[in-house]
């Protein structure tokens, strides 16, 4: 049975202005990743695909990916192509990840075709030889190339997203967990509206306000900068998302942001 819509997850590793792609012998190029299995979300599928294609070490890249909030979606032009792909339309969800200079990527899956990892300047994604489809090149132009410098991505509820865009708030509160401990001043963050993922901005981290608890953070910053009038208003709003155990385990970080670009 042909599905109406299938989903895929792909990652573009980035290093020194270059991106890594798969080269399929003489049959062209493509991003690393593949289709979601039933019951998988994008990151679970990406972790599986990375493990299959690049080995177990590469699966850890998923922990550091930047999500591109807008998918590349298209319908297959012919019934024959839809039959082959198992769906009338596809939705590709893209991620980027910055990798260190000493990390090697090697294709290791046992496949009958000759497949290898190639690094190329990011602008080569717009080459017809690399990306033969006009609409996919437009997608790369609009949503991939402008965001290659982003190191992190975050989703905000609409009201807080609008406050950040308008300048009513400039500090976003998060647990100071493993992911946030990798943040540094100057890093670029891709922030999108949770209710309208095509609405996103880039912001630069200007300062990290680190504290053991929300109460301690309240002594370091002006709470209205977070979008809450007071500590009490904050605790009332976030009680359904954070508990005392999580707060104690990780601590809290106020991520001070400066909006630098809006989609």
C-alpha atoms as a PDB file:
ATOM      1  CA  UNK A   1       0.000   0.000   0.000  1.00  0.00           C
ATOM      2  CA  UNK A   2       1.356   3.419  -0.932  1.00  0.00           C
ATOM      3  CA  UNK A   3       1.381   5.973   1.883  1.00  0.00           C
ATOM      4  CA  UNK A   4       0.149   9.496   1.346  1.00  0.00           C
ATOM      5  CA  UNK A   5       3.242  10.916   3.028  1.00  0.00           C
ATOM      6  CA  UNK A   6       6.573   9.557   4.217  1.00  0.00           C
ATOM      7  CA  UNK A   7       9.147  11.257   6.423  1.00  0.00           C
ATOM      8  CA  UNK A   8      12.945  11.323   6.367  1.00  0.00           C
ATOM      9  CA  UNK A   9      15.674  12.771   8.568  1.00  0.00           C
ATOM     10  CA  UNK A  10      18.982  14.014   7.160  1.00  0.00           C
ATOM     11  CA  UNK A  11      22.039  15.669   8.662  1.00  0.00           C
ATOM     12  CA  UNK A  12      24.619  17.935   7.074  1.00  0.00           C
ATOM     13  CA  UNK A  13      27.908  17.811   9.018  1.00  0.00           C
ATOM     14  CA  UNK A  14      29.680  21.178   8.864  1.00  0.00           C
ATOM     15  CA  UNK A  15      33.376  21.994   9.279  1.00  0.00           C
ATOM     16  CA  UNK A  16      35.352  25.028   8.120  1.00  0.00           C
ATOM     17  CA  UNK A  17      32.657  26.181   5.713  1.00  0.00           C
ATOM     18  CA  UNK A  18      32.336  22.743   4.116  1.00  0.00           C
ATOM     19  CA  UNK A  19      29.572  20.150   4.356  1.00  0.00           C
ATOM     20  CA  UNK A  20      29.756  16.362   4.159  1.00  0.00           C
ATOM     21  CA  UNK A  21      27.586  14.436   1.699  1.00  0.00           C
ATOM     22  CA  UNK A  22      27.336  10.859   0.486  1.00  0.00           C
ATOM     23  CA  UNK A  23      28.678  10.243  -3.014  1.00  0.00           C
ATOM     24  CA  UNK A  24      26.979   7.338  -4.767  1.00  0.00           C
ATOM     25  CA  UNK A  25      29.699   6.296  -7.200  1.00  0.00           C
ATOM     26  CA  UNK A  26      28.860   7.950 -10.517  1.00  0.00           C
ATOM     27  CA  UNK A  27      25.174   8.276  -9.593  1.00  0.00           C
ATOM     28  CA  UNK A  28      25.222  11.567  -7.761  1.00  0.00           C
ATOM     29  CA  UNK A  29      25.197  12.888  -4.207  1.00  0.00           C
ATOM     30  CA  UNK A  30      22.873  12.967  -1.241  1.00  0.00           C
ATOM     31  CA  UNK A  31      22.725  13.924   2.446  1.00  0.00           C
ATOM     32  CA  UNK A  32      23.394  11.452   5.259  1.00  0.00           C
ATOM     33  CA  UNK A  33      20.253   9.875   6.711  1.00  0.00           C
ATOM     34  CA  UNK A  34      17.075   8.220   5.513  1.00  0.00           C
ATOM     35  CA  UNK A  35      13.417   7.474   6.059  1.00  0.00           C
ATOM     36  CA  UNK A  36      11.700   7.138   9.426  1.00  0.00           C
ATOM     37  CA  UNK A  37      10.481   3.711  10.447  1.00  0.00           C
ATOM     38  CA  UNK A  38       6.995   3.419  11.934  1.00  0.00           C
ATOM     39  CA  UNK A  39       6.963   4.859  15.433  1.00  0.00           C
ATOM     40  CA  UNK A  40      10.255   6.756  15.077  1.00  0.00           C
ATOM     41  CA  UNK A  41      10.733  10.472  15.475  1.00  0.00           C
ATOM     42  CA  UNK A  42      13.290  12.367  13.406  1.00  0.00           C
ATOM     43  CA  UNK A  43      16.135  12.212  15.902  1.00  0.00           C
ATOM     44  CA  UNK A  44      15.651   8.516  16.620  1.00  0.00           C
ATOM     45  CA  UNK A  45      15.691   7.790  12.888  1.00  0.00           C
ATOM     46  CA  UNK A  46      18.760   9.958  12.404  1.00  0.00           C
ATOM     47  CA  UNK A  47      20.604   8.172  15.217  1.00  0.00           C
ATOM     48  CA  UNK A  48      19.776   4.803  13.647  1.00  0.00           C
ATOM     49  CA  UNK A  49      20.826   5.935  10.178  1.00  0.00           C
ATOM     50  CA  UNK A  50      24.096   7.406  11.446  1.00  0.00           C
ATOM     51  CA  UNK A  51      24.875   4.174  13.272  1.00  0.00           C
ATOM     52  CA  UNK A  52      24.123   2.109  10.168  1.00  0.00           C
ATOM     53  CA  UNK A  53      25.984   4.343   7.715  1.00  0.00           C
ATOM     54  CA  UNK A  54      28.880   5.786   9.725  1.00  0.00           C
ATOM     55  CA  UNK A  55      29.208   3.546  12.787  1.00  0.00           C
ATOM     56  CA  UNK A  56      28.272   3.749  16.456  1.00  0.00           C
ATOM     57  CA  UNK A  57      30.658   6.629  17.231  1.00  0.00           C
ATOM     58  CA  UNK A  58      28.849   8.895  14.761  1.00  0.00           C
ATOM     59  CA  UNK A  59      25.467   8.273  16.401  1.00  0.00           C
ATOM     60  CA  UNK A  60      26.494  10.675  19.169  1.00  0.00           C
ATOM     61  CA  UNK A  61      26.350  13.544  16.683  1.00  0.00           C
ATOM     62  CA  UNK A  62      22.572  13.546  17.159  1.00  0.00           C
ATOM     63  CA  UNK A  63      23.070  15.033  20.628  1.00  0.00           C
ATOM     64  CA  UNK A  64      24.534  18.191  19.068  1.00  0.00           C
ATOM     65  CA  UNK A  65      22.380  18.730  15.982  1.00  0.00           C
ATOM     66  CA  UNK A  66      20.706  22.002  15.059  1.00  0.00           C
ATOM     67  CA  UNK A  67      17.186  21.429  13.799  1.00  0.00           C
ATOM     68  CA  UNK A  68      16.142  23.294  10.665  1.00  0.00           C
ATOM     69  CA  UNK A  69      12.487  23.984  11.544  1.00  0.00           C
ATOM     70  CA  UNK A  70      11.135  24.112   7.972  1.00  0.00           C
ATOM     71  CA  UNK A  71      11.079  20.743   6.148  1.00  0.00           C
ATOM     72  CA  UNK A  72      11.707  20.172   2.460  1.00  0.00           C
ATOM     73  CA  UNK A  73       8.415  18.768   1.173  1.00  0.00           C
ATOM     74  CA  UNK A  74       7.458  17.590  -2.318  1.00  0.00           C
ATOM     75  CA  UNK A  75       5.188  15.262  -4.268  1.00  0.00           C
ATOM     76  CA  UNK A  76       6.518  12.641  -6.636  1.00  0.00           C
ATOM     77  CA  UNK A  77       5.911  13.601 -10.257  1.00  0.00           C
ATOM     78  CA  UNK A  78       4.726  10.176 -11.460  1.00  0.00           C
ATOM     79  CA  UNK A  79       2.813   7.187 -10.044  1.00  0.00           C
ATOM     80  CA  UNK A  80       5.808   5.014 -10.903  1.00  0.00           C
ATOM     81  CA  UNK A  81       8.117   7.107  -8.757  1.00  0.00           C
ATOM     82  CA  UNK A  82       5.578   7.109  -5.909  1.00  0.00           C
ATOM     83  CA  UNK A  83       5.316   3.337  -6.165  1.00  0.00           C
ATOM     84  CA  UNK A  84       9.077   2.979  -5.939  1.00  0.00           C
ATOM     85  CA  UNK A  85       9.328   5.288  -2.929  1.00  0.00           C
ATOM     86  CA  UNK A  86       6.239   3.886  -1.210  1.00  0.00           C
ATOM     87  CA  UNK A  87       4.536   7.270  -0.798  1.00  0.00           C
ATOM     88  CA  UNK A  88       2.918   9.945  -2.942  1.00  0.00           C
ATOM     89  CA  UNK A  89       4.786  12.717  -1.129  1.00  0.00           C
ATOM     90  CA  UNK A  90       7.837  13.059   1.084  1.00  0.00           C
ATOM     91  CA  UNK A  91       8.854  15.411   3.860  1.00  0.00           C
ATOM     92  CA  UNK A  92      12.562  15.682   4.599  1.00  0.00           C
ATOM     93  CA  UNK A  93      13.600  17.063   7.985  1.00  0.00           C
ATOM     94  CA  UNK A  94      17.113  18.490   7.991  1.00  0.00           C
ATOM     95  CA  UNK A  95      19.637  18.991  10.743  1.00  0.00           C
ATOM     96  CA  UNK A  96      23.121  20.471  10.741  1.00  0.00           C
ATOM     97  CA  UNK A  97      25.938  19.595  13.115  1.00  0.00           C
ATOM     98  CA  UNK A  98      29.352  21.153  13.624  1.00  0.00           C
ATOM     99  CA  UNK A  99      32.076  18.541  13.999  1.00  0.00           C
ATOM    100  CA  UNK A 100      35.625  18.836  15.266  1.00  0.00           C
ATOM    101  CA  UNK A 101      38.695  18.778  13.047  1.00  0.00           C
ATOM    102  CA  UNK A 102      39.861  15.438  14.419  1.00  0.00           C
ATOM    103  CA  UNK A 103      36.621  13.540  13.768  1.00  0.00           C
ATOM    104  CA  UNK A 104      36.718  11.322  10.695  1.00  0.00           C
ATOM    105  CA  UNK A 105      33.530  10.331   8.865  1.00  0.00           C
ATOM    106  CA  UNK A 106      33.695   7.070   6.942  1.00  0.00           C
ATOM    107  CA  UNK A 107      30.846   5.238   5.236  1.00  0.00           C
ATOM    108  CA  UNK A 108      30.862   1.692   6.630  1.00  0.00           C
ATOM    109  CA  UNK A 109      27.472   0.154   5.784  1.00  0.00           C
ATOM    110  CA  UNK A 110      27.679  -2.964   3.621  1.00  0.00           C
ATOM    111  CA  UNK A 111      25.999  -1.853   0.390  1.00  0.00           C
ATOM    112  CA  UNK A 112      26.435  -3.175  -3.186  1.00  0.00           C
ATOM    113  CA  UNK A 113      27.057   0.320  -4.581  1.00  0.00           C
ATOM    114  CA  UNK A 114      30.220   2.349  -4.110  1.00  0.00           C
ATOM    115  CA  UNK A 115      29.367   4.996  -1.478  1.00  0.00           C
ATOM    116  CA  UNK A 116      31.812   7.385   0.172  1.00  0.00           C
ATOM    117  CA  UNK A 117      31.862  10.565   2.274  1.00  0.00           C
ATOM    118  CA  UNK A 118      32.918  13.717   0.427  1.00  0.00           C
ATOM    119  CA  UNK A 119      33.493  17.213   1.812  1.00  0.00           C
ATOM    120  CA  UNK A 120      32.691  20.202  -0.347  1.00  0.00           C
ATOM    121  CA  UNK A 121      32.189  23.966   0.030  1.00  0.00           C
ATOM    122  CA  UNK A 122      28.683  24.628   1.337  1.00  0.00           C
ATOM    123  CA  UNK A 123      27.854  26.731  -1.713  1.00  0.00           C
ATOM    124  CA  UNK A 124      28.268  23.609  -3.869  1.00  0.00           C
ATOM    125  CA  UNK A 125      24.878  22.478  -2.535  1.00  0.00           C
ATOM    126  CA  UNK A 126      23.469  24.932  -5.073  1.00  0.00           C
ATOM    127  CA  UNK A 127      25.304  23.269  -7.956  1.00  0.00           C
ATOM    128  CA  UNK A 128      23.012  21.432 -10.355  1.00  0.00           C
ATOM    129  CA  UNK A 129      25.494  18.583 -10.416  1.00  0.00           C
ATOM    130  CA  UNK A 130      25.210  18.151  -6.639  1.00  0.00           C
ATOM    131  CA  UNK A 131      21.513  19.063  -6.267  1.00  0.00           C
ATOM    132  CA  UNK A 132      19.658  18.546  -9.557  1.00  0.00           C
ATOM    133  CA  UNK A 133      16.210  19.600  -8.283  1.00  0.00           C
ATOM    134  CA  UNK A 134      15.297  23.293  -8.542  1.00  0.00           C
ATOM    135  CA  UNK A 135      13.010  23.306  -5.505  1.00  0.00           C
ATOM    136  CA  UNK A 136      15.612  21.596  -3.338  1.00  0.00           C
ATOM    137  CA  UNK A 137      18.231  24.163  -4.333  1.00  0.00           C
ATOM    138  CA  UNK A 138      15.717  26.857  -3.357  1.00  0.00           C
ATOM    139  CA  UNK A 139      15.276  25.125   0.001  1.00  0.00           C
ATOM    140  CA  UNK A 140      19.023  25.051   0.568  1.00  0.00           C
ATOM    141  CA  UNK A 141      19.225  28.746  -0.382  1.00  0.00           C
ATOM    142  CA  UNK A 142      16.421  29.774   1.988  1.00  0.00           C
ATOM    143  CA  UNK A 143      16.880  27.513   4.993  1.00  0.00           C
ATOM    144  CA  UNK A 144      20.221  25.699   5.003  1.00  0.00           C
ATOM    145  CA  UNK A 145      23.003  28.028   3.861  1.00  0.00           C
ATOM    146  CA  UNK A 146      21.828  31.017   5.985  1.00  0.00           C
ATOM    147  CA  UNK A 147      21.836  28.831   9.117  1.00  0.00           C
ATOM    148  CA  UNK A 148      25.122  26.947   8.806  1.00  0.00           C
ATOM    149  CA  UNK A 149      26.738  29.084  11.513  1.00  0.00           C
ATOM    150  CA  UNK A 150      24.084  28.124  14.086  1.00  0.00           C
ATOM    151  CA  UNK A 151      25.374  25.961  16.927  1.00  0.00           C
ATOM    152  CA  UNK A 152      22.082  25.329  18.749  1.00  0.00           C
ATOM    153  CA  UNK A 153      18.334  25.393  18.102  1.00  0.00           C
ATOM    154  CA  UNK A 154      15.459  26.109  20.479  1.00  0.00           C
ATOM    155  CA  UNK A 155      11.676  26.083  20.258  1.00  0.00           C
ATOM    156  CA  UNK A 156       9.690  28.769  22.090  1.00  0.00           C
ATOM    157  CA  UNK A 157       5.984  29.005  22.797  1.00  0.00           C
ATOM    158  CA  UNK A 158       4.398  31.716  20.624  1.00  0.00           C
ATOM    159  CA  UNK A 159       3.977  34.315  23.365  1.00  0.00           C
ATOM    160  CA  UNK A 160       7.629  34.072  24.459  1.00  0.00           C
ATOM    161  CA  UNK A 161       8.864  33.946  20.891  1.00  0.00           C
ATOM    162  CA  UNK A 162       7.036  37.196  20.110  1.00  0.00           C
ATOM    163  CA  UNK A 163       8.423  38.800  23.257  1.00  0.00           C
ATOM    164  CA  UNK A 164      11.958  37.884  22.207  1.00  0.00           C
ATOM    165  CA  UNK A 165      11.436  39.201  18.674  1.00  0.00           C
ATOM    166  CA  UNK A 166       9.928  42.473  19.929  1.00  0.00           C
ATOM    167  CA  UNK A 167      12.622  42.981  22.567  1.00  0.00           C
ATOM    168  CA  UNK A 168      10.254  42.625  25.541  1.00  0.00           C
ATOM    169  CA  UNK A 169      12.506  39.826  26.798  1.00  0.00           C
ATOM    170  CA  UNK A 170      16.150  39.033  26.113  1.00  0.00           C
ATOM    171  CA  UNK A 171      16.854  36.139  28.487  1.00  0.00           C
ATOM    172  CA  UNK A 172      15.626  32.590  27.920  1.00  0.00           C
ATOM    173  CA  UNK A 173      15.630  30.231  30.912  1.00  0.00           C
ATOM    174  CA  UNK A 174      16.689  26.585  30.611  1.00  0.00           C
ATOM    175  CA  UNK A 175      18.075  23.803  32.744  1.00  0.00           C
ATOM    176  CA  UNK A 176      21.856  23.919  32.702  1.00  0.00           C
ATOM    177  CA  UNK A 177      22.047  20.363  31.379  1.00  0.00           C
ATOM    178  CA  UNK A 178      24.652  18.646  29.191  1.00  0.00           C
ATOM    179  CA  UNK A 179      23.486  20.410  26.044  1.00  0.00           C
ATOM    180  CA  UNK A 180      23.444  23.903  27.559  1.00  0.00           C
ATOM    181  CA  UNK A 181      26.879  23.363  29.159  1.00  0.00           C
ATOM    182  CA  UNK A 182      28.285  23.349  25.632  1.00  0.00           C
ATOM    183  CA  UNK A 183      27.030  26.892  24.977  1.00  0.00           C
ATOM    184  CA  UNK A 184      29.467  29.785  24.838  1.00  0.00           C
ATOM    185  CA  UNK A 185      29.222  33.541  24.474  1.00  0.00           C
ATOM    186  CA  UNK A 186      29.065  34.406  20.778  1.00  0.00           C
ATOM    187  CA  UNK A 187      27.367  31.166  19.702  1.00  0.00           C
ATOM    188  CA  UNK A 188      24.501  31.583  17.217  1.00  0.00           C
ATOM    189  CA  UNK A 189      21.161  29.991  18.133  1.00  0.00           C
ATOM    190  CA  UNK A 190      18.309  29.207  15.735  1.00  0.00           C
ATOM    191  CA  UNK A 191      15.052  29.943  17.582  1.00  0.00           C
ATOM    192  CA  UNK A 192      11.658  29.066  16.148  1.00  0.00           C
ATOM    193  CA  UNK A 193       8.013  29.595  17.002  1.00  0.00           C
ATOM    194  CA  UNK A 194       6.624  26.285  18.298  1.00  0.00           C
ATOM    195  CA  UNK A 195       3.236  26.986  16.695  1.00  0.00           C
ATOM    196  CA  UNK A 196       4.583  28.172  13.345  1.00  0.00           C
ATOM    197  CA  UNK A 197       7.923  26.583  12.556  1.00  0.00           C
ATOM    198  CA  UNK A 198       8.427  28.678   9.413  1.00  0.00           C
ATOM    199  CA  UNK A 199       8.691  31.681  11.749  1.00  0.00           C
ATOM    200  CA  UNK A 200      12.230  31.660  13.107  1.00  0.00           C
ATOM    201  CA  UNK A 201      15.126  33.930  13.999  1.00  0.00           C
ATOM    202  CA  UNK A 202      18.830  33.789  14.691  1.00  0.00           C
ATOM    203  CA  UNK A 203      20.142  35.180  17.964  1.00  0.00           C
ATOM    204  CA  UNK A 204      23.632  35.505  19.420  1.00  0.00           C
ATOM    205  CA  UNK A 205      24.421  34.458  22.976  1.00  0.00           C
ATOM    206  CA  UNK A 206      25.823  37.531  24.705  1.00  0.00           C
ATOM    207  CA  UNK A 207      26.022  36.151  28.244  1.00  0.00           C
ATOM    208  CA  UNK A 208      25.213  33.029  30.240  1.00  0.00           C
ATOM    209  CA  UNK A 209      23.756  33.653  33.708  1.00  0.00           C
ATOM    210  CA  UNK A 210      24.370  30.428  35.668  1.00  0.00           C
ATOM    211  CA  UNK A 211      22.761  29.646  39.027  1.00  0.00           C
ATOM    212  CA  UNK A 212      21.948  26.676  41.240  1.00  0.00           C
ATOM    213  CA  UNK A 213      18.234  27.475  41.251  1.00  0.00           C
ATOM    214  CA  UNK A 214      15.604  29.817  39.869  1.00  0.00           C
ATOM    215  CA  UNK A 215      15.587  31.601  43.228  1.00  0.00           C
ATOM    216  CA  UNK A 216      19.337  32.249  43.030  1.00  0.00           C
ATOM    217  CA  UNK A 217      19.043  33.393  39.435  1.00  0.00           C
ATOM    218  CA  UNK A 218      16.413  35.887  40.568  1.00  0.00           C
ATOM    219  CA  UNK A 219      19.132  37.624  42.614  1.00  0.00           C
ATOM    220  CA  UNK A 220      21.375  37.973  39.543  1.00  0.00           C
ATOM    221  CA  UNK A 221      19.017  39.241  36.859  1.00  0.00           C
ATOM    222  CA  UNK A 222      15.863  41.314  36.492  1.00  0.00           C
ATOM    223  CA  UNK A 223      13.104  38.747  36.166  1.00  0.00           C
ATOM    224  CA  UNK A 224      11.009  40.750  33.615  1.00  0.00           C
ATOM    225  CA  UNK A 225      13.897  40.254  31.155  1.00  0.00           C
ATOM    226  CA  UNK A 226      12.841  36.573  31.063  1.00  0.00           C
ATOM    227  CA  UNK A 227       9.239  37.400  30.161  1.00  0.00           C
ATOM    228  CA  UNK A 228       7.914  36.946  33.710  1.00  0.00           C
ATOM    229  CA  UNK A 229       6.952  39.787  36.029  1.00  0.00           C
ATOM    230  CA  UNK A 230       8.325  38.071  39.143  1.00  0.00           C
ATOM    231  CA  UNK A 231       9.868  34.861  40.475  1.00  0.00           C
ATOM    232  CA  UNK A 232       6.423  33.792  41.673  1.00  0.00           C
ATOM    233  CA  UNK A 233       4.930  34.225  38.216  1.00  0.00           C
ATOM    234  CA  UNK A 234       7.814  32.232  36.740  1.00  0.00           C
ATOM    235  CA  UNK A 235       7.490  29.343  39.192  1.00  0.00           C
ATOM    236  CA  UNK A 236       3.745  29.162  38.642  1.00  0.00           C
ATOM    237  CA  UNK A 237       4.176  28.981  34.866  1.00  0.00           C
ATOM    238  CA  UNK A 238       6.980  26.423  34.753  1.00  0.00           C
ATOM    239  CA  UNK A 239       5.810  24.039  37.479  1.00  0.00           C
ATOM    240  CA  UNK A 240       4.425  21.681  34.843  1.00  0.00           C
ATOM    241  CA  UNK A 241       7.774  21.526  33.009  1.00  0.00           C
ATOM    242  CA  UNK A 242      10.447  21.583  35.744  1.00  0.00           C
ATOM    243  CA  UNK A 243      10.518  20.001  39.190  1.00  0.00           C
ATOM    244  CA  UNK A 244      12.805  20.511  42.163  1.00  0.00           C
ATOM    245  CA  UNK A 245      14.763  17.351  41.408  1.00  0.00           C
ATOM    246  CA  UNK A 246      15.662  18.522  37.886  1.00  0.00           C
ATOM    247  CA  UNK A 247      16.504  21.998  39.184  1.00  0.00           C
ATOM    248  CA  UNK A 248      18.797  20.507  41.824  1.00  0.00           C
ATOM    249  CA  UNK A 249      20.452  18.071  39.427  1.00  0.00           C
ATOM    250  CA  UNK A 250      21.330  20.503  36.649  1.00  0.00           C
ATOM    251  CA  UNK A 251      21.049  24.041  37.921  1.00  0.00           C
ATOM    252  CA  UNK A 252      19.634  26.867  35.809  1.00  0.00           C
ATOM    253  CA  UNK A 253      21.005  29.055  33.039  1.00  0.00           C
ATOM    254  CA  UNK A 254      19.619  32.345  31.796  1.00  0.00           C
ATOM    255  CA  UNK A 255      20.690  32.610  28.155  1.00  0.00           C
ATOM    256  CA  UNK A 256      21.024  36.285  27.290  1.00  0.00           C
ATOM    257  CA  UNK A 257      20.306  36.761  23.580  1.00  0.00           C
ATOM    258  CA  UNK A 258      20.596  39.418  20.924  1.00  0.00           C
ATOM    259  CA  UNK A 259      18.418  38.919  17.842  1.00  0.00           C
ATOM    260  CA  UNK A 260      20.567  39.255  14.738  1.00  0.00           C
ATOM    261  CA  UNK A 261      18.406  37.981  11.886  1.00  0.00           C
ATOM    262  CA  UNK A 262      14.769  37.136  11.238  1.00  0.00           C
ATOM    263  CA  UNK A 263      13.499  34.740   8.588  1.00  0.00           C
END
